[in-house]
Amino acid sequence: MSASKILELYARMGRSLIGNGLNEAALPLAAAEAALDLFALQRWRVLGGDVYQLAEGDRFESTYENWFYEGEDVDGSIAVARNFINSLGVRPVYIVFVVAAR
């Protein structure tokens, strides 16, 4: 498995935050589990993430919810991210992941 699957997911479902002055992309909550599965397969550690919602004018606003992971264990980082993502329920929010390759 290569990183191309991750890039494909972001190209298909991601939304740019460049309008917010951020050189990042956010995934809808519905795609977060798929992203975590791909990060786990690639053995990328999830260092944390931020939560955004769409506001008027199709602009993203931070919900000021986030999480972080300071350990070195890939599986542990994925578990922490999954727990946080699951705590969000089915709200119409977007997730920005911060990852580290191996």
PDB file of N, CA and C in Angstrom:
ATOM      1  N   MET A   1       0.847  -1.173   0.000  1.00  0.00           N
ATOM      2  CA  MET A   1       0.000   0.000   0.000  1.00  0.00           C
ATOM      3  C   MET A   1       0.891   1.233   0.000  1.00  0.00           C
ATOM      4  N   SER A   2       0.556   2.163  -0.788  1.00  0.00           N
ATOM      5  CA  SER A   2       1.355   3.381  -0.856  1.00  0.00           C
ATOM      6  C   SER A   2       0.554   4.575  -0.370  1.00  0.00           C
ATOM      7  N   ALA A   3       1.234   5.676  -0.239  1.00  0.00           N
ATOM      8  CA  ALA A   3       0.594   6.910   0.199  1.00  0.00           C
ATOM      9  C   ALA A   3      -0.401   7.416  -0.838  1.00  0.00           C
ATOM     10  N   SER A   4      -0.395   6.842  -2.021  1.00  0.00           N
ATOM     11  CA  SER A   4      -1.312   7.309  -3.063  1.00  0.00           C
ATOM     12  C   SER A   4      -2.782   7.135  -2.658  1.00  0.00           C
ATOM     13  N   LYS A   5      -3.093   6.126  -1.865  1.00  0.00           N
ATOM     14  CA  LYS A   5      -4.478   5.934  -1.400  1.00  0.00           C
ATOM     15  C   LYS A   5      -4.899   7.087  -0.486  1.00  0.00           C
ATOM     16  N   ILE A   6      -3.973   7.551   0.324  1.00  0.00           N
ATOM     17  CA  ILE A   6      -4.257   8.683   1.208  1.00  0.00           C
ATOM     18  C   ILE A   6      -4.467   9.932   0.369  1.00  0.00           C
ATOM     19  N   LEU A   7      -3.594  10.146  -0.600  1.00  0.00           N
ATOM     20  CA  LEU A   7      -3.737  11.310  -1.480  1.00  0.00           C
ATOM     21  C   LEU A   7      -5.046  11.251  -2.258  1.00  0.00           C
ATOM     22  N   GLU A   8      -5.419  10.068  -2.687  1.00  0.00           N
ATOM     23  CA  GLU A   8      -6.683   9.891  -3.415  1.00  0.00           C
ATOM     24  C   GLU A   8      -7.878  10.262  -2.536  1.00  0.00           C
ATOM     25  N   LEU A   9      -7.847   9.825  -1.270  1.00  0.00           N
ATOM     26  CA  LEU A   9      -8.928  10.155  -0.342  1.00  0.00           C
ATOM     27  C   LEU A   9      -9.033  11.672  -0.154  1.00  0.00           C
ATOM     28  N   TYR A  10      -7.896  12.322   0.036  1.00  0.00           N
ATOM     29  CA  TYR A  10      -7.912  13.774   0.211  1.00  0.00           C
ATOM     30  C   TYR A  10      -8.348  14.487  -1.066  1.00  0.00           C
ATOM     31  N   ALA A  11      -7.936  13.986  -2.218  1.00  0.00           N
ATOM     32  CA  ALA A  11      -8.339  14.613  -3.484  1.00  0.00           C
ATOM     33  C   ALA A  11      -9.846  14.468  -3.714  1.00  0.00           C
ATOM     34  N   ARG A  12     -10.391  13.336  -3.316  1.00  0.00           N
ATOM     35  CA  ARG A  12     -11.805  13.051  -3.542  1.00  0.00           C
ATOM     36  C   ARG A  12     -12.710  13.728  -2.516  1.00  0.00           C
ATOM     37  N   MET A  13     -12.292  13.753  -1.248  1.00  0.00           N
ATOM     38  CA  MET A  13     -13.197  14.197  -0.186  1.00  0.00           C
ATOM     39  C   MET A  13     -12.701  15.402   0.610  1.00  0.00           C
ATOM     40  N   GLY A  14     -11.431  15.744   0.462  1.00  0.00           N
ATOM     41  CA  GLY A  14     -10.866  16.821   1.266  1.00  0.00           C
ATOM     42  C   GLY A  14     -11.320  18.197   0.824  1.00  0.00           C
ATOM     43  N   ARG A  15     -11.267  19.125   1.740  1.00  0.00           N
ATOM     44  CA  ARG A  15     -11.605  20.525   1.478  1.00  0.00           C
ATOM     45  C   ARG A  15     -10.416  21.382   1.900  1.00  0.00           C
ATOM     46  N   SER A  16     -10.015  22.289   1.054  1.00  0.00           N
ATOM     47  CA  SER A  16      -8.873  23.156   1.327  1.00  0.00           C
ATOM     48  C   SER A  16      -9.219  24.196   2.386  1.00  0.00           C
ATOM     49  N   LEU A  17      -8.246  24.510   3.227  1.00  0.00           N
ATOM     50  CA  LEU A  17      -8.378  25.567   4.216  1.00  0.00           C
ATOM     51  C   LEU A  17      -7.547  26.787   3.834  1.00  0.00           C
ATOM     52  N   ILE A  18      -7.154  26.852   2.575  1.00  0.00           N
ATOM     53  CA  ILE A  18      -6.327  27.967   2.104  1.00  0.00           C
ATOM     54  C   ILE A  18      -7.060  29.298   2.287  1.00  0.00           C
ATOM     55  N   GLY A  19      -8.381  29.290   2.167  1.00  0.00           N
ATOM     56  CA  GLY A  19      -9.177  30.496   2.391  1.00  0.00           C
ATOM     57  C   GLY A  19      -9.098  30.994   3.828  1.00  0.00           C
ATOM     58  N   ASN A  20      -8.670  30.122   4.738  1.00  0.00           N
ATOM     59  CA  ASN A  20      -8.472  30.483   6.136  1.00  0.00           C
ATOM     60  C   ASN A  20      -7.009  30.836   6.411  1.00  0.00           C
ATOM     61  N   GLY A  21      -6.212  30.854   5.342  1.00  0.00           N
ATOM     62  CA  GLY A  21      -4.797  31.135   5.519  1.00  0.00           C
ATOM     63  C   GLY A  21      -3.993  29.941   5.980  1.00  0.00           C
ATOM     64  N   LEU A  22      -4.575  28.756   5.857  1.00  0.00           N
ATOM     65  CA  LEU A  22      -3.904  27.529   6.290  1.00  0.00           C
ATOM     66  C   LEU A  22      -3.625  26.650   5.086  1.00  0.00           C
ATOM     67  N   ASN A  23      -2.422  26.177   4.980  1.00  0.00           N
ATOM     68  CA  ASN A  23      -2.040  25.289   3.879  1.00  0.00           C
ATOM     69  C   ASN A  23      -2.308  23.845   4.303  1.00  0.00           C
ATOM     70  N   GLU A  24      -3.579  23.560   4.563  1.00  0.00           N
ATOM     71  CA  GLU A  24      -3.999  22.248   5.025  1.00  0.00           C
ATOM     72  C   GLU A  24      -5.296  21.859   4.333  1.00  0.00           C
ATOM     73  N   ALA A  25      -5.651  20.602   4.491  1.00  0.00           N
ATOM     74  CA  ALA A  25      -6.926  20.115   3.969  1.00  0.00           C
ATOM     75  C   ALA A  25      -7.666  19.417   5.094  1.00  0.00           C
ATOM     76  N   ALA A  26      -8.969  19.567   5.072  1.00  0.00           N
ATOM     77  CA  ALA A  26      -9.828  18.949   6.078  1.00  0.00           C
ATOM     78  C   ALA A  26     -10.683  17.879   5.419  1.00  0.00           C
ATOM     79  N   LEU A  27     -10.892  16.808   6.145  1.00  0.00           N
ATOM     80  CA  LEU A  27     -11.758  15.727   5.679  1.00  0.00           C
ATOM     81  C   LEU A  27     -13.074  15.772   6.437  1.00  0.00           C
ATOM     82  N   PRO A  28     -14.186  15.470   5.765  1.00  0.00           N
ATOM     83  CA  PRO A  28     -15.444  15.380   6.500  1.00  0.00           C
ATOM     84  C   PRO A  28     -15.361  14.250   7.521  1.00  0.00           C
ATOM     85  N   LEU A  29     -16.080  14.416   8.599  1.00  0.00           N
ATOM     86  CA  LEU A  29     -16.069  13.414   9.662  1.00  0.00           C
ATOM     87  C   LEU A  29     -16.341  12.016   9.119  1.00  0.00           C
ATOM     88  N   ALA A  30     -17.214  11.907   8.118  1.00  0.00           N
ATOM     89  CA  ALA A  30     -17.553  10.607   7.535  1.00  0.00           C
ATOM     90  C   ALA A  30     -16.349   9.913   6.900  1.00  0.00           C
ATOM     91  N   ALA A  31     -15.317  10.658   6.522  1.00  0.00           N
ATOM     92  CA  ALA A  31     -14.120  10.081   5.904  1.00  0.00           C
ATOM     93  C   ALA A  31     -12.984   9.873   6.899  1.00  0.00           C
ATOM     94  N   ALA A  32     -13.176  10.303   8.132  1.00  0.00           N
ATOM     95  CA  ALA A  32     -12.095  10.239   9.118  1.00  0.00           C
ATOM     96  C   ALA A  32     -11.660   8.807   9.421  1.00  0.00           C
ATOM     97  N   GLU A  33     -12.612   7.903   9.554  1.00  0.00           N
ATOM     98  CA  GLU A  33     -12.262   6.499   9.836  1.00  0.00           C
ATOM     99  C   GLU A  33     -11.435   5.901   8.702  1.00  0.00           C
ATOM    100  N   ALA A  34     -11.817   6.190   7.472  1.00  0.00           N
ATOM    101  CA  ALA A  34     -11.061   5.683   6.323  1.00  0.00           C
ATOM    102  C   ALA A  34      -9.637   6.232   6.348  1.00  0.00           C
ATOM    103  N   ALA A  35      -9.498   7.503   6.684  1.00  0.00           N
ATOM    104  CA  ALA A  35      -8.164   8.105   6.768  1.00  0.00           C
ATOM    105  C   ALA A  35      -7.342   7.421   7.851  1.00  0.00           C
ATOM    106  N   LEU A  36      -7.940   7.176   9.000  1.00  0.00           N
ATOM    107  CA  LEU A  36      -7.213   6.503  10.084  1.00  0.00           C
ATOM    108  C   LEU A  36      -6.790   5.093   9.676  1.00  0.00           C
ATOM    109  N   ASP A  37      -7.646   4.388   8.966  1.00  0.00           N
ATOM    110  CA  ASP A  37      -7.276   3.053   8.472  1.00  0.00           C
ATOM    111  C   ASP A  37      -6.062   3.140   7.548  1.00  0.00           C
ATOM    112  N   LEU A  38      -6.061   4.124   6.666  1.00  0.00           N
ATOM    113  CA  LEU A  38      -4.936   4.288   5.734  1.00  0.00           C
ATOM    114  C   LEU A  38      -3.668   4.723   6.454  1.00  0.00           C
ATOM    115  N   PHE A  39      -3.784   5.605   7.443  1.00  0.00           N
ATOM    116  CA  PHE A  39      -2.608   6.005   8.227  1.00  0.00           C
ATOM    117  C   PHE A  39      -2.029   4.787   8.949  1.00  0.00           C
ATOM    118  N   ALA A  40      -2.896   3.941   9.488  1.00  0.00           N
ATOM    119  CA  ALA A  40      -2.438   2.741  10.198  1.00  0.00           C
ATOM    120  C   ALA A  40      -1.708   1.794   9.244  1.00  0.00           C
ATOM    121  N   LEU A  41      -2.252   1.591   8.058  1.00  0.00           N
ATOM    122  CA  LEU A  41      -1.600   0.721   7.067  1.00  0.00           C
ATOM    123  C   LEU A  41      -0.243   1.279   6.648  1.00  0.00           C
ATOM    124  N   GLN A  42      -0.155   2.579   6.556  1.00  0.00           N
ATOM    125  CA  GLN A  42       1.085   3.237   6.149  1.00  0.00           C
ATOM    126  C   GLN A  42       2.068   3.355   7.316  1.00  0.00           C
ATOM    127  N   ARG A  43       1.566   3.071   8.542  1.00  0.00           N
ATOM    128  CA  ARG A  43       2.336   3.170   9.784  1.00  0.00           C
ATOM    129  C   ARG A  43       2.726   4.615  10.078  1.00  0.00           C
ATOM    130  N   TRP A  44       1.776   5.516   9.833  1.00  0.00           N
ATOM    131  CA  TRP A  44       1.949   6.929  10.163  1.00  0.00           C
ATOM    132  C   TRP A  44       1.337   7.181  11.527  1.00  0.00           C
ATOM    133  N   ARG A  45       2.086   7.816  12.379  1.00  0.00           N
ATOM    134  CA  ARG A  45       1.610   8.184  13.708  1.00  0.00           C
ATOM    135  C   ARG A  45       0.748   9.438  13.602  1.00  0.00           C
ATOM    136  N   VAL A  46      -0.399   9.430  14.247  1.00  0.00           N
ATOM    137  CA  VAL A  46      -1.291  10.586  14.260  1.00  0.00           C
ATOM    138  C   VAL A  46      -0.952  11.402  15.501  1.00  0.00           C
ATOM    139  N   LEU A  47      -0.373  12.567  15.274  1.00  0.00           N
ATOM    140  CA  LEU A  47       0.070  13.416  16.379  1.00  0.00           C
ATOM    141  C   LEU A  47      -1.062  14.225  16.988  1.00  0.00           C
ATOM    142  N   GLY A  48      -2.154  14.358  16.234  1.00  0.00           N
ATOM    143  CA  GLY A  48      -3.306  15.098  16.731  1.00  0.00           C
ATOM    144  C   GLY A  48      -4.164  15.590  15.591  1.00  0.00           C
ATOM    145  N   GLY A  49      -5.043  16.520  15.932  1.00  0.00           N
ATOM    146  CA  GLY A  49      -5.912  17.060  14.907  1.00  0.00           C
ATOM    147  C   GLY A  49      -6.790  18.171  15.437  1.00  0.00           C
ATOM    148  N   ASP A  50      -7.436  18.840  14.504  1.00  0.00           N
ATOM    149  CA  ASP A  50      -8.333  19.949  14.810  1.00  0.00           C
ATOM    150  C   ASP A  50      -9.678  19.705  14.143  1.00  0.00           C
ATOM    151  N   VAL A  51     -10.701  20.326  14.688  1.00  0.00           N
ATOM    152  CA  VAL A  51     -12.063  20.169  14.190  1.00  0.00           C
ATOM    153  C   VAL A  51     -12.548  21.519  13.664  1.00  0.00           C
ATOM    154  N   TYR A  52     -13.145  21.484  12.479  1.00  0.00           N
ATOM    155  CA  TYR A  52     -13.692  22.688  11.841  1.00  0.00           C
ATOM    156  C   TYR A  52     -15.138  22.435  11.438  1.00  0.00           C
ATOM    157  N   GLN A  53     -15.884  23.522  11.311  1.00  0.00           N
ATOM    158  CA  GLN A  53     -17.237  23.448  10.761  1.00  0.00           C
ATOM    159  C   GLN A  53     -17.371  24.507   9.681  1.00  0.00           C
ATOM    160  N   LEU A  54     -18.284  24.252   8.761  1.00  0.00           N
ATOM    161  CA  LEU A  54     -18.539  25.236   7.707  1.00  0.00           C
ATOM    162  C   LEU A  54     -19.424  26.344   8.263  1.00  0.00           C
ATOM    163  N   ALA A  55     -19.052  27.559   7.933  1.00  0.00           N
ATOM    164  CA  ALA A  55     -19.831  28.730   8.341  1.00  0.00           C
ATOM    165  C   ALA A  55     -20.398  29.389   7.094  1.00  0.00           C
ATOM    166  N   GLU A  56     -21.001  30.546   7.261  1.00  0.00           N
ATOM    167  CA  GLU A  56     -21.538  31.276   6.126  1.00  0.00           C
ATOM    168  C   GLU A  56     -20.448  31.562   5.101  1.00  0.00           C
ATOM    169  N   GLY A  57     -20.851  31.595   3.854  1.00  0.00           N
ATOM    170  CA  GLY A  57     -19.902  31.881   2.788  1.00  0.00           C
ATOM    171  C   GLY A  57     -18.946  30.741   2.509  1.00  0.00           C
ATOM    172  N   ASP A  58     -19.294  29.529   2.943  1.00  0.00           N
ATOM    173  CA  ASP A  58     -18.473  28.340   2.689  1.00  0.00           C
ATOM    174  C   ASP A  58     -17.073  28.488   3.287  1.00  0.00           C
ATOM    175  N   ARG A  59     -16.981  29.194   4.401  1.00  0.00           N
ATOM    176  CA  ARG A  59     -15.716  29.404   5.094  1.00  0.00           C
ATOM    177  C   ARG A  59     -15.672  28.488   6.322  1.00  0.00           C
ATOM    178  N   PHE A  60     -14.490  27.991   6.622  1.00  0.00           N
ATOM    179  CA  PHE A  60     -14.336  27.105   7.766  1.00  0.00           C
ATOM    180  C   PHE A  60     -14.045  27.898   9.034  1.00  0.00           C
ATOM    181  N   GLU A  61     -14.656  27.435  10.128  1.00  0.00           N
ATOM    182  CA  GLU A  61     -14.399  27.996  11.449  1.00  0.00           C
ATOM    183  C   GLU A  61     -13.967  26.874  12.376  1.00  0.00           C
ATOM    184  N   SER A  62     -12.981  27.152  13.208  1.00  0.00           N
ATOM    185  CA  SER A  62     -12.556  26.180  14.199  1.00  0.00           C
ATOM    186  C   SER A  62     -13.647  26.017  15.248  1.00  0.00           C
ATOM    187  N   THR A  63     -13.832  24.783  15.699  1.00  0.00           N
ATOM    188  CA  THR A  63     -14.753  24.535  16.804  1.00  0.00           C
ATOM    189  C   THR A  63     -13.998  24.579  18.134  1.00  0.00           C
ATOM    190  N   TYR A  64     -12.685  24.772  18.048  1.00  0.00           N
ATOM    191  CA  TYR A  64     -11.793  24.808  19.215  1.00  0.00           C
ATOM    192  C   TYR A  64     -11.780  23.483  19.966  1.00  0.00           C
ATOM    193  N   GLU A  65     -12.039  22.432  19.227  1.00  0.00           N
ATOM    194  CA  GLU A  65     -11.900  21.075  19.752  1.00  0.00           C
ATOM    195  C   GLU A  65     -10.684  20.479  19.064  1.00  0.00           C
ATOM    196  N   ASN A  66      -9.838  19.843  19.821  1.00  0.00           N
ATOM    197  CA  ASN A  66      -8.678  19.204  19.219  1.00  0.00           C
ATOM    198  C   ASN A  66      -8.149  18.129  20.157  1.00  0.00           C
ATOM    199  N   TRP A  67      -7.211  17.385  19.660  1.00  0.00           N
ATOM    200  CA  TRP A  67      -6.556  16.369  20.479  1.00  0.00           C
ATOM    201  C   TRP A  67      -5.103  16.279  20.044  1.00  0.00           C
ATOM    202  N   PHE A  68      -4.302  15.646  20.909  1.00  0.00           N
ATOM    203  CA  PHE A  68      -2.897  15.428  20.557  1.00  0.00           C
ATOM    204  C   PHE A  68      -2.428  14.116  21.159  1.00  0.00           C
ATOM    205  N   TYR A  69      -1.343  13.626  20.610  1.00  0.00           N
ATOM    206  CA  TYR A  69      -0.727  12.383  21.073  1.00  0.00           C
ATOM    207  C   TYR A  69       0.776  12.610  21.092  1.00  0.00           C
ATOM    208  N   GLU A  70       1.412  12.345  22.235  1.00  0.00           N
ATOM    209  CA  GLU A  70       2.843  12.598  22.368  1.00  0.00           C
ATOM    210  C   GLU A  70       3.680  11.331  22.392  1.00  0.00           C
ATOM    211  N   GLY A  71       3.053  10.184  22.320  1.00  0.00           N
ATOM    212  CA  GLY A  71       3.798   8.930  22.369  1.00  0.00           C
ATOM    213  C   GLY A  71       4.448   8.583  21.039  1.00  0.00           C
ATOM    214  N   GLU A  72       5.102   7.459  21.020  1.00  0.00           N
ATOM    215  CA  GLU A  72       5.807   6.993  19.823  1.00  0.00           C
ATOM    216  C   GLU A  72       5.111   5.826  19.132  1.00  0.00           C
ATOM    217  N   ASP A  73       4.062   5.300  19.735  1.00  0.00           N
ATOM    218  CA  ASP A  73       3.388   4.105  19.236  1.00  0.00           C
ATOM    219  C   ASP A  73       2.336   4.465  18.177  1.00  0.00           C
ATOM    220  N   VAL A  74       2.510   3.920  16.983  1.00  0.00           N
ATOM    221  CA  VAL A  74       1.564   4.191  15.894  1.00  0.00           C
ATOM    222  C   VAL A  74       0.164   3.723  16.277  1.00  0.00           C
ATOM    223  N   ASP A  75       0.047   2.502  16.758  1.00  0.00           N
ATOM    224  CA  ASP A  75      -1.272   1.966  17.091  1.00  0.00           C
ATOM    225  C   ASP A  75      -1.931   2.761  18.212  1.00  0.00           C
ATOM    226  N   GLY A  76      -1.133   3.178  19.189  1.00  0.00           N
ATOM    227  CA  GLY A  76      -1.667   4.006  20.268  1.00  0.00           C
ATOM    228  C   GLY A  76      -2.185   5.336  19.752  1.00  0.00           C
ATOM    229  N   SER A  77      -1.457   5.927  18.820  1.00  0.00           N
ATOM    230  CA  SER A  77      -1.874   7.218  18.266  1.00  0.00           C
ATOM    231  C   SER A  77      -3.171   7.090  17.476  1.00  0.00           C
ATOM    232  N   ILE A  78      -3.303   5.988  16.758  1.00  0.00           N
ATOM    233  CA  ILE A  78      -4.531   5.731  15.990  1.00  0.00           C
ATOM    234  C   ILE A  78      -5.704   5.523  16.943  1.00  0.00           C
ATOM    235  N   ALA A  79      -5.468   4.797  18.041  1.00  0.00           N
ATOM    236  CA  ALA A  79      -6.524   4.545  19.021  1.00  0.00           C
ATOM    237  C   ALA A  79      -7.003   5.853  19.664  1.00  0.00           C
ATOM    238  N   VAL A  80      -6.075   6.724  20.022  1.00  0.00           N
ATOM    239  CA  VAL A  80      -6.447   8.015  20.614  1.00  0.00           C
ATOM    240  C   VAL A  80      -7.265   8.829  19.606  1.00  0.00           C
ATOM    241  N   ALA A  81      -6.816   8.842  18.356  1.00  0.00           N
ATOM    242  CA  ALA A  81      -7.544   9.581  17.315  1.00  0.00           C
ATOM    243  C   ALA A  81      -8.939   9.000  17.108  1.00  0.00           C
ATOM    244  N   ARG A  82      -9.060   7.675  17.055  1.00  0.00           N
ATOM    245  CA  ARG A  82     -10.374   7.036  16.880  1.00  0.00           C
ATOM    246  C   ARG A  82     -11.314   7.398  18.029  1.00  0.00           C
ATOM    247  N   ASN A  83     -10.802   7.350  19.247  1.00  0.00           N
ATOM    248  CA  ASN A  83     -11.634   7.684  20.405  1.00  0.00           C
ATOM    249  C   ASN A  83     -12.148   9.118  20.308  1.00  0.00           C
ATOM    250  N   PHE A  84     -11.277  10.031  19.924  1.00  0.00           N
ATOM    251  CA  PHE A  84     -11.701  11.423  19.795  1.00  0.00           C
ATOM    252  C   PHE A  84     -12.733  11.568  18.681  1.00  0.00           C
ATOM    253  N   ILE A  85     -12.447  10.977  17.523  1.00  0.00           N
ATOM    254  CA  ILE A  85     -13.358  11.057  16.376  1.00  0.00           C
ATOM    255  C   ILE A  85     -14.726  10.481  16.745  1.00  0.00           C
ATOM    256  N   ASN A  86     -14.729   9.345  17.437  1.00  0.00           N
ATOM    257  CA  ASN A  86     -15.995   8.722  17.833  1.00  0.00           C
ATOM    258  C   ASN A  86     -16.776   9.591  18.816  1.00  0.00           C
ATOM    259  N   SER A  87     -16.073  10.377  19.620  1.00  0.00           N
ATOM    260  CA  SER A  87     -16.759  11.243  20.581  1.00  0.00           C
ATOM    261  C   SER A  87     -17.510  12.391  19.906  1.00  0.00           C
ATOM    262  N   LEU A  88     -17.207  12.649  18.642  1.00  0.00           N
ATOM    263  CA  LEU A  88     -17.861  13.737  17.910  1.00  0.00           C
ATOM    264  C   LEU A  88     -19.246  13.351  17.394  1.00  0.00           C
ATOM    265  N   GLY A  89     -19.573  12.081  17.451  1.00  0.00           N
ATOM    266  CA  GLY A  89     -20.878  11.622  16.983  1.00  0.00           C
ATOM    267  C   GLY A  89     -21.003  11.753  15.475  1.00  0.00           C
ATOM    268  N   VAL A  90     -22.113  12.303  15.022  1.00  0.00           N
ATOM    269  CA  VAL A  90     -22.368  12.429  13.582  1.00  0.00           C
ATOM    270  C   VAL A  90     -22.510  13.898  13.171  1.00  0.00           C
ATOM    271  N   ARG A  91     -21.878  14.769  13.909  1.00  0.00           N
ATOM    272  CA  ARG A  91     -21.959  16.198  13.612  1.00  0.00           C
ATOM    273  C   ARG A  91     -21.368  16.501  12.239  1.00  0.00           C
ATOM    274  N   PRO A  92     -21.849  17.553  11.584  1.00  0.00           N
ATOM    275  CA  PRO A  92     -21.324  17.928  10.262  1.00  0.00           C
ATOM    276  C   PRO A  92     -20.034  18.747  10.388  1.00  0.00           C
ATOM    277  N   VAL A  93     -18.965  18.074  10.810  1.00  0.00           N
ATOM    278  CA  VAL A  93     -17.689  18.745  11.012  1.00  0.00           C
ATOM    279  C   VAL A  93     -16.615  18.139  10.119  1.00  0.00           C
ATOM    280  N   TYR A  94     -15.480  18.814  10.070  1.00  0.00           N
ATOM    281  CA  TYR A  94     -14.336  18.401   9.263  1.00  0.00           C
ATOM    282  C   TYR A  94     -13.123  18.260  10.168  1.00  0.00           C
ATOM    283  N   ILE A  95     -12.259  17.327   9.816  1.00  0.00           N
ATOM    284  CA  ILE A  95     -11.096  17.023  10.631  1.00  0.00           C
ATOM    285  C   ILE A  95      -9.813  17.330   9.858  1.00  0.00           C
ATOM    286  N   VAL A  96      -8.887  17.992  10.538  1.00  0.00           N
ATOM    287  CA  VAL A  96      -7.535  18.176  10.020  1.00  0.00           C
ATOM    288  C   VAL A  96      -6.626  17.289  10.861  1.00  0.00           C
ATOM    289  N   PHE A  97      -5.958  16.347  10.223  1.00  0.00           N
ATOM    290  CA  PHE A  97      -5.042  15.454  10.914  1.00  0.00           C
ATOM    291  C   PHE A  97      -3.621  15.985  10.826  1.00  0.00           C
ATOM    292  N   VAL A  98      -2.867  15.789  11.920  1.00  0.00           N
ATOM    293  CA  VAL A  98      -1.436  16.053  11.929  1.00  0.00           C
ATOM    294  C   VAL A  98      -0.774  14.690  12.076  1.00  0.00           C
ATOM    295  N   VAL A  99       0.023  14.306  11.084  1.00  0.00           N
ATOM    296  CA  VAL A  99       0.636  12.975  11.099  1.00  0.00           C
ATOM    297  C   VAL A  99       2.150  13.070  10.963  1.00  0.00           C
ATOM    298  N   ALA A 100       2.812  12.005  11.373  1.00  0.00           N
ATOM    299  CA  ALA A 100       4.256  11.886  11.208  1.00  0.00           C
ATOM    300  C   ALA A 100       4.538  10.533  10.577  1.00  0.00           C
ATOM    301  N   ALA A 101       5.316  10.540   9.533  1.00  0.00           N
ATOM    302  CA  ALA A 101       5.684   9.283   8.871  1.00  0.00           C
ATOM    303  C   ALA A 101       6.714   8.575   9.734  1.00  0.00           C
ATOM    304  N   ARG A 102       6.410   7.350  10.035  1.00  0.00           N
ATOM    305  CA  ARG A 102       7.277   6.460  10.808  1.00  0.00           C
ATOM    306  C   ARG A 102       8.073   7.211  11.804  1.00  0.00           C
TER     307      ARG A 102
END
